[in-house]
Amino acid sequence: MTDENSNGDDDSDQTRTTIEVDRDVWRQVRAEAVGDGKKISEKLEEILIEHFDEDA
């Protein structure tokens, strides 16, 4: 059985997933990402790392 969220690379420290986000929250994240010159996925990762106080 395969993991639907796996990127197929067992050696990777990253995974792919799909989430549903409130439209207003999405707009905020997107605006911050653009303002920082980052991809939205990079900004989301940054926010999650800050929230969980983890090192990348």
C-alpha atoms as a PDB file:
ATOM      1  CA  MET A   1       0.000   0.000   0.000  1.00  0.00           C
ATOM      2  CA  THR A   2       1.315   3.468  -0.860  1.00  0.00           C
ATOM      3  CA  ASP A   3       0.950   6.632   1.206  1.00  0.00           C
ATOM      4  CA  GLU A   4      -1.211   9.080  -0.747  1.00  0.00           C
ATOM      5  CA  ASN A   5       0.721  11.981   0.774  1.00  0.00           C
ATOM      6  CA  SER A   6       4.152  10.564   0.035  1.00  0.00           C
ATOM      7  CA  ASN A   7       6.306  12.074  -2.660  1.00  0.00           C
ATOM      8  CA  GLY A   8       7.703   8.626  -3.485  1.00  0.00           C
ATOM      9  CA  ASP A   9      11.189   9.428  -2.168  1.00  0.00           C
ATOM     10  CA  ASP A  10      11.797   7.469   1.044  1.00  0.00           C
ATOM     11  CA  ASP A  11      15.043   9.410   1.673  1.00  0.00           C
ATOM     12  CA  SER A  12      13.318  12.806   1.679  1.00  0.00           C
ATOM     13  CA  ASP A  13      12.571  14.778   4.844  1.00  0.00           C
ATOM     14  CA  GLN A  14       9.595  16.376   3.106  1.00  0.00           C
ATOM     15  CA  THR A  15       6.096  15.177   2.337  1.00  0.00           C
ATOM     16  CA  ARG A  16       3.270  16.457   0.177  1.00  0.00           C
ATOM     17  CA  THR A  17      -0.293  16.887   1.352  1.00  0.00           C
ATOM     18  CA  THR A  18      -3.552  18.608   0.528  1.00  0.00           C
ATOM     19  CA  ILE A  19      -5.376  20.740   3.086  1.00  0.00           C
ATOM     20  CA  GLU A  20      -8.502  22.851   3.219  1.00  0.00           C
ATOM     21  CA  VAL A  21      -7.957  26.364   4.553  1.00  0.00           C
ATOM     22  CA  ASP A  22     -10.352  29.195   5.327  1.00  0.00           C
ATOM     23  CA  ARG A  23     -10.342  31.628   2.386  1.00  0.00           C
ATOM     24  CA  ASP A  24      -9.397  34.638   4.556  1.00  0.00           C
ATOM     25  CA  VAL A  25      -6.515  32.725   6.151  1.00  0.00           C
ATOM     26  CA  TRP A  26      -5.335  31.643   2.681  1.00  0.00           C
ATOM     27  CA  ARG A  27      -5.347  35.248   1.496  1.00  0.00           C
ATOM     28  CA  GLN A  28      -3.269  36.318   4.497  1.00  0.00           C
ATOM     29  CA  VAL A  29      -0.711  33.558   3.957  1.00  0.00           C
ATOM     30  CA  ARG A  30      -0.545  34.283   0.238  1.00  0.00           C
ATOM     31  CA  ALA A  31      -0.102  38.023   0.839  1.00  0.00           C
ATOM     32  CA  GLU A  32       2.689  37.408   3.361  1.00  0.00           C
ATOM     33  CA  ALA A  33       4.381  34.971   1.001  1.00  0.00           C
ATOM     34  CA  VAL A  34       4.296  37.461  -1.863  1.00  0.00           C
ATOM     35  CA  GLY A  35       5.522  40.228   0.444  1.00  0.00           C
ATOM     36  CA  ASP A  36       8.432  38.035   1.523  1.00  0.00           C
ATOM     37  CA  GLY A  37       9.200  36.947  -2.044  1.00  0.00           C
ATOM     38  CA  LYS A  38       8.472  33.308  -1.159  1.00  0.00           C
ATOM     39  CA  LYS A  39       6.318  30.534  -2.550  1.00  0.00           C
ATOM     40  CA  ILE A  40       3.137  29.929  -0.575  1.00  0.00           C
ATOM     41  CA  SER A  41       4.341  26.448   0.375  1.00  0.00           C
ATOM     42  CA  GLU A  42       7.561  27.936   1.768  1.00  0.00           C
ATOM     43  CA  LYS A  43       5.586  30.450   3.816  1.00  0.00           C
ATOM     44  CA  LEU A  44       3.259  27.747   5.150  1.00  0.00           C
ATOM     45  CA  GLU A  45       6.263  25.666   6.164  1.00  0.00           C
ATOM     46  CA  GLU A  46       7.753  28.681   7.946  1.00  0.00           C
ATOM     47  CA  ILE A  47       4.485  29.287   9.822  1.00  0.00           C
ATOM     48  CA  LEU A  48       4.208  25.628  10.843  1.00  0.00           C
ATOM     49  CA  ILE A  49       7.825  25.539  12.030  1.00  0.00           C
ATOM     50  CA  GLU A  50       7.219  28.659  14.131  1.00  0.00           C
ATOM     51  CA  HIS A  51       4.000  27.204  15.523  1.00  0.00           C
ATOM     52  CA  PHE A  52       5.570  23.899  16.504  1.00  0.00           C
ATOM     53  CA  ASP A  53       8.928  25.503  17.411  1.00  0.00           C
ATOM     54  CA  GLU A  54      10.890  23.060  15.232  1.00  0.00           C
ATOM     55  CA  ASP A  55      14.103  23.526  13.298  1.00  0.00           C
ATOM     56  CA  ALA A  56      14.003  22.941   9.552  1.00  0.00           C
END
